[in-house]
Amino acid sequence: MAMELTTEGNVLKVSVEGRLVAAVVPGMRDDILGHVKDGMNVLFDLGKMDHIDSSGLGLLVQVLQKVKACGGKVVLAALQPRPKIVFDITKVSRVFEIVPTVEDAKF
């Protein structure tokens, strides 16, 4: 799993590649939440994420809660078909704004 963080204005873009699973979640959580501050929005680019487990979903929900508490917004972009099945089965897709492409994200 690879992750890249970039900041543009008040948007933290988190690009995820590979598998978002329990083994990588603790380090990712610290990195992402360490960048979140008041008014910060987070854009997850999931175009290259091919698998997610319950720990990965938990991470996304934790980030959502922290960002909302700081007055920001979280958008998930380019969710691929296989991981989307997990979002739909668990109904997590109902709590996130999910857009087809990174360019479709509006803050």
PDB file of N, CA and C in Angstrom:
ATOM      1  N   MET A   1       0.850  -1.177   0.000  1.00  0.00           N
ATOM      2  CA  MET A   1       0.000   0.000   0.000  1.00  0.00           C
ATOM      3  C   MET A   1       0.889   1.231   0.000  1.00  0.00           C
ATOM      4  N   ALA A   2       0.518   2.167  -0.813  1.00  0.00           N
ATOM      5  CA  ALA A   2       1.224   3.438  -0.868  1.00  0.00           C
ATOM      6  C   ALA A   2       0.221   4.560  -0.646  1.00  0.00           C
ATOM      7  N   MET A   3       0.685   5.612   0.033  1.00  0.00           N
ATOM      8  CA  MET A   3      -0.165   6.765   0.290  1.00  0.00           C
ATOM      9  C   MET A   3       0.649   8.018   0.013  1.00  0.00           C
ATOM     10  N   GLU A   4      -0.001   8.980  -0.626  1.00  0.00           N
ATOM     11  CA  GLU A   4       0.640  10.266  -0.877  1.00  0.00           C
ATOM     12  C   GLU A   4      -0.277  11.363  -0.355  1.00  0.00           C
ATOM     13  N   LEU A   5       0.290  12.277   0.424  1.00  0.00           N
ATOM     14  CA  LEU A   5      -0.453  13.414   0.958  1.00  0.00           C
ATOM     15  C   LEU A   5       0.024  14.677   0.271  1.00  0.00           C
ATOM     16  N   THR A   6      -0.921  15.462  -0.245  1.00  0.00           N
ATOM     17  CA  THR A   6      -0.595  16.764  -0.808  1.00  0.00           C
ATOM     18  C   THR A   6      -1.628  17.763  -0.303  1.00  0.00           C
ATOM     19  N   THR A   7      -1.191  18.984  -0.089  1.00  0.00           N
ATOM     20  CA  THR A   7      -2.096  20.025   0.397  1.00  0.00           C
ATOM     21  C   THR A   7      -2.142  21.150  -0.620  1.00  0.00           C
ATOM     22  N   GLU A   8      -3.377  21.549  -0.943  1.00  0.00           N
ATOM     23  CA  GLU A   8      -3.576  22.700  -1.819  1.00  0.00           C
ATOM     24  C   GLU A   8      -4.635  23.580  -1.164  1.00  0.00           C
ATOM     25  N   GLY A   9      -4.215  24.707  -0.664  1.00  0.00           N
ATOM     26  CA  GLY A   9      -5.139  25.575   0.057  1.00  0.00           C
ATOM     27  C   GLY A   9      -5.625  24.877   1.313  1.00  0.00           C
ATOM     28  N   ASN A  10      -6.949  24.761   1.443  1.00  0.00           N
ATOM     29  CA  ASN A  10      -7.524  24.107   2.622  1.00  0.00           C
ATOM     30  C   ASN A  10      -7.964  22.672   2.334  1.00  0.00           C
ATOM     31  N   VAL A  11      -7.382  22.054   1.290  1.00  0.00           N
ATOM     32  CA  VAL A  11      -7.733  20.671   0.934  1.00  0.00           C
ATOM     33  C   VAL A  11      -6.502  19.784   1.066  1.00  0.00           C
ATOM     34  N   LEU A  12      -6.641  18.759   1.892  1.00  0.00           N
ATOM     35  CA  LEU A  12      -5.629  17.718   2.003  1.00  0.00           C
ATOM     36  C   LEU A  12      -6.062  16.582   1.086  1.00  0.00           C
ATOM     37  N   LYS A  13      -5.255  16.292   0.078  1.00  0.00           N
ATOM     38  CA  LYS A  13      -5.552  15.201  -0.847  1.00  0.00           C
ATOM     39  C   LYS A  13      -4.764  13.979  -0.407  1.00  0.00           C
ATOM     40  N   VAL A  14      -5.492  12.883  -0.182  1.00  0.00           N
ATOM     41  CA  VAL A  14      -4.895  11.623   0.232  1.00  0.00           C
ATOM     42  C   VAL A  14      -5.079  10.632  -0.912  1.00  0.00           C
ATOM     43  N   SER A  15      -3.985  10.315  -1.595  1.00  0.00           N
ATOM     44  CA  SER A  15      -4.028   9.347  -2.697  1.00  0.00           C
ATOM     45  C   SER A  15      -3.615   7.985  -2.154  1.00  0.00           C
ATOM     46  N   VAL A  16      -4.492   7.001  -2.328  1.00  0.00           N
ATOM     47  CA  VAL A  16      -4.261   5.655  -1.805  1.00  0.00           C
ATOM     48  C   VAL A  16      -4.087   4.698  -2.974  1.00  0.00           C
ATOM     49  N   GLU A  17      -3.035   3.869  -2.883  1.00  0.00           N
ATOM     50  CA  GLU A  17      -2.787   2.867  -3.915  1.00  0.00           C
ATOM     51  C   GLU A  17      -2.618   1.509  -3.254  1.00  0.00           C
ATOM     52  N   GLY A  18      -3.309   0.499  -3.771  1.00  0.00           N
ATOM     53  CA  GLY A  18      -3.166  -0.850  -3.238  1.00  0.00           C
ATOM     54  C   GLY A  18      -4.266  -1.200  -2.247  1.00  0.00           C
ATOM     55  N   ARG A  19      -3.856  -1.857  -1.164  1.00  0.00           N
ATOM     56  CA  ARG A  19      -4.799  -2.398  -0.181  1.00  0.00           C
ATOM     57  C   ARG A  19      -4.832  -1.544   1.088  1.00  0.00           C
ATOM     58  N   LEU A  20      -6.006  -1.049   1.436  1.00  0.00           N
ATOM     59  CA  LEU A  20      -6.190  -0.288   2.676  1.00  0.00           C
ATOM     60  C   LEU A  20      -6.711  -1.265   3.723  1.00  0.00           C
ATOM     61  N   VAL A  21      -5.768  -1.847   4.484  1.00  0.00           N
ATOM     62  CA  VAL A  21      -6.090  -2.926   5.421  1.00  0.00           C
ATOM     63  C   VAL A  21      -5.467  -2.653   6.786  1.00  0.00           C
ATOM     64  N   ALA A  22      -5.813  -3.496   7.761  1.00  0.00           N
ATOM     65  CA  ALA A  22      -5.423  -3.312   9.158  1.00  0.00           C
ATOM     66  C   ALA A  22      -3.931  -3.055   9.348  1.00  0.00           C
ATOM     67  N   ALA A  23      -3.088  -3.711   8.580  1.00  0.00           N
ATOM     68  CA  ALA A  23      -1.644  -3.587   8.772  1.00  0.00           C
ATOM     69  C   ALA A  23      -1.125  -2.168   8.528  1.00  0.00           C
ATOM     70  N   VAL A  24      -1.791  -1.393   7.701  1.00  0.00           N
ATOM     71  CA  VAL A  24      -1.300  -0.052   7.359  1.00  0.00           C
ATOM     72  C   VAL A  24      -2.079   1.078   8.027  1.00  0.00           C
ATOM     73  N   VAL A  25      -3.210   0.753   8.627  1.00  0.00           N
ATOM     74  CA  VAL A  25      -4.095   1.784   9.171  1.00  0.00           C
ATOM     75  C   VAL A  25      -3.461   2.636  10.269  1.00  0.00           C
ATOM     76  N   PRO A  26      -2.765   2.068  11.267  1.00  0.00           N
ATOM     77  CA  PRO A  26      -2.238   2.930  12.338  1.00  0.00           C
ATOM     78  C   PRO A  26      -1.323   4.047  11.832  1.00  0.00           C
ATOM     79  N   GLY A  27      -0.399   3.734  10.956  1.00  0.00           N
ATOM     80  CA  GLY A  27       0.497   4.757  10.421  1.00  0.00           C
ATOM     81  C   GLY A  27      -0.239   5.789   9.591  1.00  0.00           C
ATOM     82  N   MET A  28      -1.180   5.329   8.777  1.00  0.00           N
ATOM     83  CA  MET A  28      -1.973   6.254   7.957  1.00  0.00           C
ATOM     84  C   MET A  28      -2.776   7.198   8.833  1.00  0.00           C
ATOM     85  N   ARG A  29      -3.401   6.640   9.870  1.00  0.00           N
ATOM     86  CA  ARG A  29      -4.234   7.456  10.763  1.00  0.00           C
ATOM     87  C   ARG A  29      -3.408   8.606  11.332  1.00  0.00           C
ATOM     88  N   ASP A  30      -2.221   8.283  11.845  1.00  0.00           N
ATOM     89  CA  ASP A  30      -1.368   9.313  12.441  1.00  0.00           C
ATOM     90  C   ASP A  30      -0.984  10.367  11.408  1.00  0.00           C
ATOM     91  N   ASP A  31      -0.605   9.922  10.205  1.00  0.00           N
ATOM     92  CA  ASP A  31      -0.200  10.872   9.156  1.00  0.00           C
ATOM     93  C   ASP A  31      -1.349  11.795   8.762  1.00  0.00           C
ATOM     94  N   ILE A  32      -2.502  11.222   8.506  1.00  0.00           N
ATOM     95  CA  ILE A  32      -3.640  12.016   8.024  1.00  0.00           C
ATOM     96  C   ILE A  32      -4.146  12.944   9.121  1.00  0.00           C
ATOM     97  N   LEU A  33      -4.431  12.397  10.291  1.00  0.00           N
ATOM     98  CA  LEU A  33      -4.996  13.226  11.355  1.00  0.00           C
ATOM     99  C   LEU A  33      -4.010  14.290  11.822  1.00  0.00           C
ATOM    100  N   GLY A  34      -2.723  14.043  11.643  1.00  0.00           N
ATOM    101  CA  GLY A  34      -1.723  15.044  11.981  1.00  0.00           C
ATOM    102  C   GLY A  34      -1.789  16.280  11.086  1.00  0.00           C
ATOM    103  N   HIS A  35      -2.381  16.143   9.917  1.00  0.00           N
ATOM    104  CA  HIS A  35      -2.507  17.262   8.979  1.00  0.00           C
ATOM    105  C   HIS A  35      -3.847  17.997   9.103  1.00  0.00           C
ATOM    106  N   VAL A  36      -4.813  17.387   9.793  1.00  0.00           N
ATOM    107  CA  VAL A  36      -6.150  17.982   9.872  1.00  0.00           C
ATOM    108  C   VAL A  36      -6.171  19.094  10.905  1.00  0.00           C
ATOM    109  N   LYS A  37      -6.623  20.259  10.457  1.00  0.00           N
ATOM    110  CA  LYS A  37      -6.783  21.392  11.378  1.00  0.00           C
ATOM    111  C   LYS A  37      -8.087  22.099  11.029  1.00  0.00           C
ATOM    112  N   ASP A  38      -8.442  23.110  11.796  1.00  0.00           N
ATOM    113  CA  ASP A  38      -9.716  23.804  11.595  1.00  0.00           C
ATOM    114  C   ASP A  38      -9.893  24.243  10.148  1.00  0.00           C
ATOM    115  N   GLY A  39     -11.075  23.943   9.608  1.00  0.00           N
ATOM    116  CA  GLY A  39     -11.426  24.365   8.262  1.00  0.00           C
ATOM    117  C   GLY A  39     -10.818  23.529   7.148  1.00  0.00           C
ATOM    118  N   MET A  40     -10.090  22.462   7.497  1.00  0.00           N
ATOM    119  CA  MET A  40      -9.435  21.619   6.499  1.00  0.00           C
ATOM    120  C   MET A  40     -10.444  20.636   5.901  1.00  0.00           C
ATOM    121  N   ASN A  41     -10.406  20.508   4.575  1.00  0.00           N
ATOM    122  CA  ASN A  41     -11.194  19.503   3.865  1.00  0.00           C
ATOM    123  C   ASN A  41     -10.257  18.381   3.447  1.00  0.00           C
ATOM    124  N   VAL A  42     -10.800  17.165   3.302  1.00  0.00           N
ATOM    125  CA  VAL A  42      -9.982  16.025   2.899  1.00  0.00           C
ATOM    126  C   VAL A  42     -10.609  15.364   1.686  1.00  0.00           C
ATOM    127  N   LEU A  43      -9.783  15.168   0.666  1.00  0.00           N
ATOM    128  CA  LEU A  43     -10.182  14.483  -0.561  1.00  0.00           C
ATOM    129  C   LEU A  43      -9.391  13.182  -0.637  1.00  0.00           C
ATOM    130  N   PHE A  44     -10.099  12.064  -0.605  1.00  0.00           N
ATOM    131  CA  PHE A  44      -9.461  10.762  -0.782  1.00  0.00           C
ATOM    132  C   PHE A  44      -9.558  10.381  -2.253  1.00  0.00           C
ATOM    133  N   ASP A  45      -8.409  10.233  -2.906  1.00  0.00           N
ATOM    134  CA  ASP A  45      -8.352   9.738  -4.277  1.00  0.00           C
ATOM    135  C   ASP A  45      -8.161   8.227  -4.181  1.00  0.00           C
ATOM    136  N   LEU A  46      -9.232   7.485  -4.455  1.00  0.00           N
ATOM    137  CA  LEU A  46      -9.213   6.031  -4.299  1.00  0.00           C
ATOM    138  C   LEU A  46      -9.154   5.303  -5.639  1.00  0.00           C
ATOM    139  N   GLY A  47      -8.759   5.993  -6.678  1.00  0.00           N
ATOM    140  CA  GLY A  47      -8.702   5.419  -8.012  1.00  0.00           C
ATOM    141  C   GLY A  47      -7.763   4.244  -8.154  1.00  0.00           C
ATOM    142  N   LYS A  48      -6.753   4.157  -7.287  1.00  0.00           N
ATOM    143  CA  LYS A  48      -5.792   3.051  -7.365  1.00  0.00           C
ATOM    144  C   LYS A  48      -5.882   2.122  -6.160  1.00  0.00           C
ATOM    145  N   MET A  49      -6.934   2.283  -5.342  1.00  0.00           N
ATOM    146  CA  MET A  49      -7.146   1.385  -4.208  1.00  0.00           C
ATOM    147  C   MET A  49      -7.930   0.178  -4.709  1.00  0.00           C
ATOM    148  N   ASP A  50      -7.354  -1.017  -4.523  1.00  0.00           N
ATOM    149  CA  ASP A  50      -8.026  -2.201  -5.056  1.00  0.00           C
ATOM    150  C   ASP A  50      -8.689  -3.076  -3.999  1.00  0.00           C
ATOM    151  N   HIS A  51      -8.488  -2.752  -2.705  1.00  0.00           N
ATOM    152  CA  HIS A  51      -9.106  -3.549  -1.637  1.00  0.00           C
ATOM    153  C   HIS A  51      -9.185  -2.714  -0.367  1.00  0.00           C
ATOM    154  N   ILE A  52     -10.242  -2.927   0.411  1.00  0.00           N
ATOM    155  CA  ILE A  52     -10.388  -2.276   1.715  1.00  0.00           C
ATOM    156  C   ILE A  52     -11.037  -3.267   2.664  1.00  0.00           C
ATOM    157  N   ASP A  53     -10.571  -3.286   3.920  1.00  0.00           N
ATOM    158  CA  ASP A  53     -11.201  -4.129   4.924  1.00  0.00           C
ATOM    159  C   ASP A  53     -11.872  -3.247   5.977  1.00  0.00           C
ATOM    160  N   SER A  54     -12.394  -3.872   7.030  1.00  0.00           N
ATOM    161  CA  SER A  54     -13.132  -3.114   8.047  1.00  0.00           C
ATOM    162  C   SER A  54     -12.252  -2.086   8.751  1.00  0.00           C
ATOM    163  N   SER A  55     -10.976  -2.383   8.913  1.00  0.00           N
ATOM    164  CA  SER A  55     -10.063  -1.410   9.531  1.00  0.00           C
ATOM    165  C   SER A  55      -9.895  -0.189   8.632  1.00  0.00           C
ATOM    166  N   GLY A  56      -9.815  -0.417   7.333  1.00  0.00           N
ATOM    167  CA  GLY A  56      -9.723   0.692   6.387  1.00  0.00           C
ATOM    168  C   GLY A  56     -10.969   1.550   6.413  1.00  0.00           C
ATOM    169  N   LEU A  57     -12.129   0.892   6.472  1.00  0.00           N
ATOM    170  CA  LEU A  57     -13.390   1.642   6.585  1.00  0.00           C
ATOM    171  C   LEU A  57     -13.407   2.448   7.878  1.00  0.00           C
ATOM    172  N   GLY A  58     -12.944   1.828   8.962  1.00  0.00           N
ATOM    173  CA  GLY A  58     -12.887   2.521  10.252  1.00  0.00           C
ATOM    174  C   GLY A  58     -12.013   3.759  10.187  1.00  0.00           C
ATOM    175  N   LEU A  59     -10.891   3.667   9.484  1.00  0.00           N
ATOM    176  CA  LEU A  59     -10.012   4.823   9.313  1.00  0.00           C
ATOM    177  C   LEU A  59     -10.741   5.956   8.599  1.00  0.00           C
ATOM    178  N   LEU A  60     -11.418   5.640   7.518  1.00  0.00           N
ATOM    179  CA  LEU A  60     -12.148   6.674   6.770  1.00  0.00           C
ATOM    180  C   LEU A  60     -13.205   7.340   7.650  1.00  0.00           C
ATOM    181  N   VAL A  61     -13.899   6.551   8.452  1.00  0.00           N
ATOM    182  CA  VAL A  61     -14.929   7.105   9.345  1.00  0.00           C
ATOM    183  C   VAL A  61     -14.286   7.982  10.418  1.00  0.00           C
ATOM    184  N   GLN A  62     -13.139   7.569  10.962  1.00  0.00           N
ATOM    185  CA  GLN A  62     -12.442   8.387  11.958  1.00  0.00           C
ATOM    186  C   GLN A  62     -12.024   9.724  11.362  1.00  0.00           C
ATOM    187  N   VAL A  63     -11.497   9.688  10.156  1.00  0.00           N
ATOM    188  CA  VAL A  63     -11.099  10.933   9.490  1.00  0.00           C
ATOM    189  C   VAL A  63     -12.323  11.810   9.272  1.00  0.00           C
ATOM    190  N   LEU A  64     -13.428  11.218   8.825  1.00  0.00           N
ATOM    191  CA  LEU A  64     -14.667  11.968   8.613  1.00  0.00           C
ATOM    192  C   LEU A  64     -15.105  12.667   9.905  1.00  0.00           C
ATOM    193  N   GLN A  65     -15.096  11.941  11.013  1.00  0.00           N
ATOM    194  CA  GLN A  65     -15.517  12.519  12.288  1.00  0.00           C
ATOM    195  C   GLN A  65     -14.616  13.680  12.698  1.00  0.00           C
ATOM    196  N   LYS A  66     -13.305  13.512  12.573  1.00  0.00           N
ATOM    197  CA  LYS A  66     -12.356  14.556  12.962  1.00  0.00           C
ATOM    198  C   LYS A  66     -12.508  15.787  12.066  1.00  0.00           C
ATOM    199  N   VAL A  67     -12.626  15.554  10.756  1.00  0.00           N
ATOM    200  CA  VAL A  67     -12.734  16.672   9.822  1.00  0.00           C
ATOM    201  C   VAL A  67     -14.032  17.440  10.056  1.00  0.00           C
ATOM    202  N   LYS A  68     -15.135  16.733  10.263  1.00  0.00           N
ATOM    203  CA  LYS A  68     -16.412  17.405  10.540  1.00  0.00           C
ATOM    204  C   LYS A  68     -16.325  18.219  11.832  1.00  0.00           C
ATOM    205  N   ALA A  69     -15.678  17.664  12.851  1.00  0.00           N
ATOM    206  CA  ALA A  69     -15.522  18.373  14.125  1.00  0.00           C
ATOM    207  C   ALA A  69     -14.696  19.647  13.949  1.00  0.00           C
ATOM    208  N   CYS A  70     -13.839  19.669  12.944  1.00  0.00           N
ATOM    209  CA  CYS A  70     -13.002  20.849  12.660  1.00  0.00           C
ATOM    210  C   CYS A  70     -13.648  21.767  11.626  1.00  0.00           C
ATOM    211  N   GLY A  71     -14.892  21.480  11.239  1.00  0.00           N
ATOM    212  CA  GLY A  71     -15.605  22.346  10.307  1.00  0.00           C
ATOM    213  C   GLY A  71     -15.315  22.088   8.840  1.00  0.00           C
ATOM    214  N   GLY A  72     -14.760  20.927   8.530  1.00  0.00           N
ATOM    215  CA  GLY A  72     -14.432  20.612   7.141  1.00  0.00           C
ATOM    216  C   GLY A  72     -15.342  19.554   6.542  1.00  0.00           C
ATOM    217  N   LYS A  73     -14.957  19.102   5.371  1.00  0.00           N
ATOM    218  CA  LYS A  73     -15.745  18.158   4.592  1.00  0.00           C
ATOM    219  C   LYS A  73     -14.805  17.080   4.040  1.00  0.00           C
ATOM    220  N   VAL A  74     -15.320  15.846   3.916  1.00  0.00           N
ATOM    221  CA  VAL A  74     -14.563  14.738   3.343  1.00  0.00           C
ATOM    222  C   VAL A  74     -15.276  14.269   2.082  1.00  0.00           C
ATOM    223  N   VAL A  75     -14.515  14.083   1.015  1.00  0.00           N
ATOM    224  CA  VAL A  75     -15.056  13.569  -0.242  1.00  0.00           C
ATOM    225  C   VAL A  75     -14.194  12.383  -0.675  1.00  0.00           C
ATOM    226  N   LEU A  76     -14.848  11.302  -1.096  1.00  0.00           N
ATOM    227  CA  LEU A  76     -14.160  10.141  -1.645  1.00  0.00           C
ATOM    228  C   LEU A  76     -14.327  10.185  -3.157  1.00  0.00           C
ATOM    229  N   ALA A  77     -13.223  10.032  -3.892  1.00  0.00           N
ATOM    230  CA  ALA A  77     -13.270  10.121  -5.348  1.00  0.00           C
ATOM    231  C   ALA A  77     -12.716   8.854  -5.986  1.00  0.00           C
ATOM    232  N   ALA A  78     -13.300   8.498  -7.124  1.00  0.00           N
ATOM    233  CA  ALA A  78     -12.810   7.424  -7.994  1.00  0.00           C
ATOM    234  C   ALA A  78     -12.816   6.056  -7.326  1.00  0.00           C
ATOM    235  N   LEU A  79     -13.828   5.798  -6.502  1.00  0.00           N
ATOM    236  CA  LEU A  79     -13.950   4.498  -5.832  1.00  0.00           C
ATOM    237  C   LEU A  79     -14.150   3.401  -6.875  1.00  0.00           C
ATOM    238  N   GLN A  80     -13.286   2.400  -6.840  1.00  0.00           N
ATOM    239  CA  GLN A  80     -13.309   1.312  -7.817  1.00  0.00           C
ATOM    240  C   GLN A  80     -14.392   0.276  -7.487  1.00  0.00           C
ATOM    241  N   PRO A  81     -14.812  -0.530  -8.476  1.00  0.00           N
ATOM    242  CA  PRO A  81     -15.928  -1.461  -8.287  1.00  0.00           C
ATOM    243  C   PRO A  81     -15.759  -2.468  -7.145  1.00  0.00           C
ATOM    244  N   ARG A  82     -14.576  -3.088  -7.009  1.00  0.00           N
ATOM    245  CA  ARG A  82     -14.412  -4.087  -5.938  1.00  0.00           C
ATOM    246  C   ARG A  82     -14.533  -3.474  -4.549  1.00  0.00           C
ATOM    247  N   PRO A  83     -13.793  -2.408  -4.247  1.00  0.00           N
ATOM    248  CA  PRO A  83     -13.961  -1.796  -2.925  1.00  0.00           C
ATOM    249  C   PRO A  83     -15.365  -1.220  -2.724  1.00  0.00           C
ATOM    250  N   LYS A  84     -15.999  -0.756  -3.797  1.00  0.00           N
ATOM    251  CA  LYS A  84     -17.349  -0.192  -3.688  1.00  0.00           C
ATOM    252  C   LYS A  84     -18.334  -1.215  -3.137  1.00  0.00           C
ATOM    253  N   ILE A  85     -18.135  -2.487  -3.456  1.00  0.00           N
ATOM    254  CA  ILE A  85     -19.001  -3.554  -2.931  1.00  0.00           C
ATOM    255  C   ILE A  85     -18.974  -3.537  -1.404  1.00  0.00           C
ATOM    256  N   VAL A  86     -17.786  -3.370  -0.819  1.00  0.00           N
ATOM    257  CA  VAL A  86     -17.654  -3.323   0.645  1.00  0.00           C
ATOM    258  C   VAL A  86     -18.401  -2.114   1.204  1.00  0.00           C
ATOM    259  N   PHE A  87     -18.273  -0.976   0.556  1.00  0.00           N
ATOM    260  CA  PHE A  87     -18.984   0.231   0.996  1.00  0.00           C
ATOM    261  C   PHE A  87     -20.495   0.014   0.944  1.00  0.00           C
ATOM    262  N   ASP A  88     -20.969  -0.626  -0.108  1.00  0.00           N
ATOM    263  CA  ASP A  88     -22.410  -0.831  -0.270  1.00  0.00           C
ATOM    264  C   ASP A  88     -22.958  -1.858   0.725  1.00  0.00           C
ATOM    265  N   ILE A  89     -22.250  -2.963   0.907  1.00  0.00           N
ATOM    266  CA  ILE A  89     -22.701  -4.005   1.836  1.00  0.00           C
ATOM    267  C   ILE A  89     -22.777  -3.469   3.258  1.00  0.00           C
ATOM    268  N   THR A  90     -21.780  -2.691   3.662  1.00  0.00           N
ATOM    269  CA  THR A  90     -21.740  -2.159   5.034  1.00  0.00           C
ATOM    270  C   THR A  90     -22.553  -0.882   5.195  1.00  0.00           C
ATOM    271  N   LYS A  91     -23.047  -0.367   4.077  1.00  0.00           N
ATOM    272  CA  LYS A  91     -23.833   0.867   4.044  1.00  0.00           C
ATOM    273  C   LYS A  91     -23.016   2.108   4.428  1.00  0.00           C
ATOM    274  N   VAL A  92     -21.696   1.990   4.453  1.00  0.00           N
ATOM    275  CA  VAL A  92     -20.825   3.129   4.734  1.00  0.00           C
ATOM    276  C   VAL A  92     -20.947   4.167   3.625  1.00  0.00           C
ATOM    277  N   SER A  93     -21.328   3.726   2.439  1.00  0.00           N
ATOM    278  CA  SER A  93     -21.475   4.667   1.318  1.00  0.00           C
ATOM    279  C   SER A  93     -22.525   5.735   1.609  1.00  0.00           C
ATOM    280  N   ARG A  94     -23.398   5.487   2.558  1.00  0.00           N
ATOM    281  CA  ARG A  94     -24.440   6.463   2.904  1.00  0.00           C
ATOM    282  C   ARG A  94     -23.905   7.650   3.703  1.00  0.00           C
ATOM    283  N   VAL A  95     -22.757   7.481   4.361  1.00  0.00           N
ATOM    284  CA  VAL A  95     -22.255   8.562   5.220  1.00  0.00           C
ATOM    285  C   VAL A  95     -21.201   9.428   4.526  1.00  0.00           C
ATOM    286  N   PHE A  96     -20.758   9.014   3.350  1.00  0.00           N
ATOM    287  CA  PHE A  96     -19.740   9.760   2.618  1.00  0.00           C
ATOM    288  C   PHE A  96     -20.301  10.357   1.342  1.00  0.00           C
ATOM    289  N   GLU A  97     -19.730  11.480   0.952  1.00  0.00           N
ATOM    290  CA  GLU A  97     -19.972  11.998  -0.388  1.00  0.00           C
ATOM    291  C   GLU A  97     -18.970  11.292  -1.294  1.00  0.00           C
ATOM    292  N   ILE A  98     -19.482  10.577  -2.291  1.00  0.00           N
ATOM    293  CA  ILE A  98     -18.635   9.828  -3.210  1.00  0.00           C
ATOM    294  C   ILE A  98     -18.870  10.374  -4.611  1.00  0.00           C
ATOM    295  N   VAL A  99     -17.773  10.778  -5.265  1.00  0.00           N
ATOM    296  CA  VAL A  99     -17.866  11.351  -6.612  1.00  0.00           C
ATOM    297  C   VAL A  99     -17.060  10.481  -7.579  1.00  0.00           C
ATOM    298  N   PRO A 100     -17.434  10.514  -8.882  1.00  0.00           N
ATOM    299  CA  PRO A 100     -16.773   9.636  -9.857  1.00  0.00           C
ATOM    300  C   PRO A 100     -15.289   9.922 -10.090  1.00  0.00           C
ATOM    301  N   THR A 101     -14.883  11.200 -10.040  1.00  0.00           N
ATOM    302  CA  THR A 101     -13.486  11.545 -10.306  1.00  0.00           C
ATOM    303  C   THR A 101     -13.011  12.603  -9.316  1.00  0.00           C
ATOM    304  N   VAL A 102     -11.711  12.736  -9.205  1.00  0.00           N
ATOM    305  CA  VAL A 102     -11.123  13.769  -8.341  1.00  0.00           C
ATOM    306  C   VAL A 102     -11.601  15.150  -8.763  1.00  0.00           C
ATOM    307  N   GLU A 103     -11.700  15.362 -10.067  1.00  0.00           N
ATOM    308  CA  GLU A 103     -12.121  16.665 -10.589  1.00  0.00           C
ATOM    309  C   GLU A 103     -13.578  17.012 -10.219  1.00  0.00           C
ATOM    310  N   ASP A 104     -14.383  16.003  -9.905  1.00  0.00           N
ATOM    311  CA  ASP A 104     -15.772  16.238  -9.518  1.00  0.00           C
ATOM    312  C   ASP A 104     -15.944  16.676  -8.068  1.00  0.00           C
ATOM    313  N   ALA A 105     -14.904  16.601  -7.280  1.00  0.00           N
ATOM    314  CA  ALA A 105     -14.983  16.984  -5.875  1.00  0.00           C
ATOM    315  C   ALA A 105     -15.124  18.490  -5.741  1.00  0.00           C
ATOM    316  N   LYS A 106     -16.111  18.920  -4.981  1.00  0.00           N
ATOM    317  CA  LYS A 106     -16.364  20.350  -4.744  1.00  0.00           C
ATOM    318  C   LYS A 106     -16.316  20.637  -3.267  1.00  0.00           C
ATOM    319  N   PHE A 107     -15.586  21.680  -2.911  1.00  0.00           N
ATOM    320  CA  PHE A 107     -15.486  22.076  -1.503  1.00  0.00           C
ATOM    321  C   PHE A 107     -15.919  23.505  -1.321  1.00  0.00           C
TER     322      PHE A 107
END
